[in-house]
């Protein structure tokens, strides 16, 4: 048996991550990145996922689930004997990531823009020796985003809700805010000091909002919630939106522009 080559890779926190050979047992703790890994051909290398890693279904049904993104089953992780764990600064809990770093090789992403997403894809493609597939996917996503039509929507002011009780919205410096901007929309909480502030209807009423987006995740807003907003904001259009197309920054981005174009046409 030959000796595996040790290589140094930089994650998106700027950490040096020492990789021993090509990872053969990967745990992904980020749904959008899990789907990306699957789509670039790491079907057998992925051994562990979270309960929210639902795409594709064949992966969700066949891989060991190690808890939620913020509530990991460390015992299950230990049994899987991973040689690489992939996390995200925002989606996973800092304390749990730091604990995992003490025992395993951990690569952490930090994504607020499309360029950050492309950087993640390229780096993980290199680590897993799937560079050709990852670069092809990046090219596909870039081409799709060139088709995103935003001209008629530039004046719309939007509030993007992610949670209920308390109501929380997308604020500043996050991927959702970036995607809203790509759509030519103005996030009324863009300049808020918090990334995901809790807000009241009174606060929102003072901002002259044109659109209210109720995301399907992480809180599962549905049609039954629309009426409450319509009663409070009679001059705003209220829409349920698919949160995966605003917040997933893996290969699902290739499907996002079509969904976003259809959404923009509807408003």
Foldseek 3Di string as FASTA:
>chain_A
DDFFDWDWDAFAVRDTFIAGHAWQAEAELAQLVVLQCVQLPNQRSYAEYACPNPPPVVSNVPHHHQYHQADGNVVVVVVSPGQEYEHEPPSYDPVVQVVVVVPHGYHYAYDAELVSLLVVLCRVCVSNVSNVSSVVLNVLLVVLLVPQDQVVPQVAEEWEWADVPQTKTAAARHQLCNVCVSNNYHHLRHPPPDRIDGDDLVVVVVSPHAEYEYECPPPRDDPVPQVVVCVSCVNHHYYYDHVCLRHNSHSCSSVNRVRSNVVVVVD
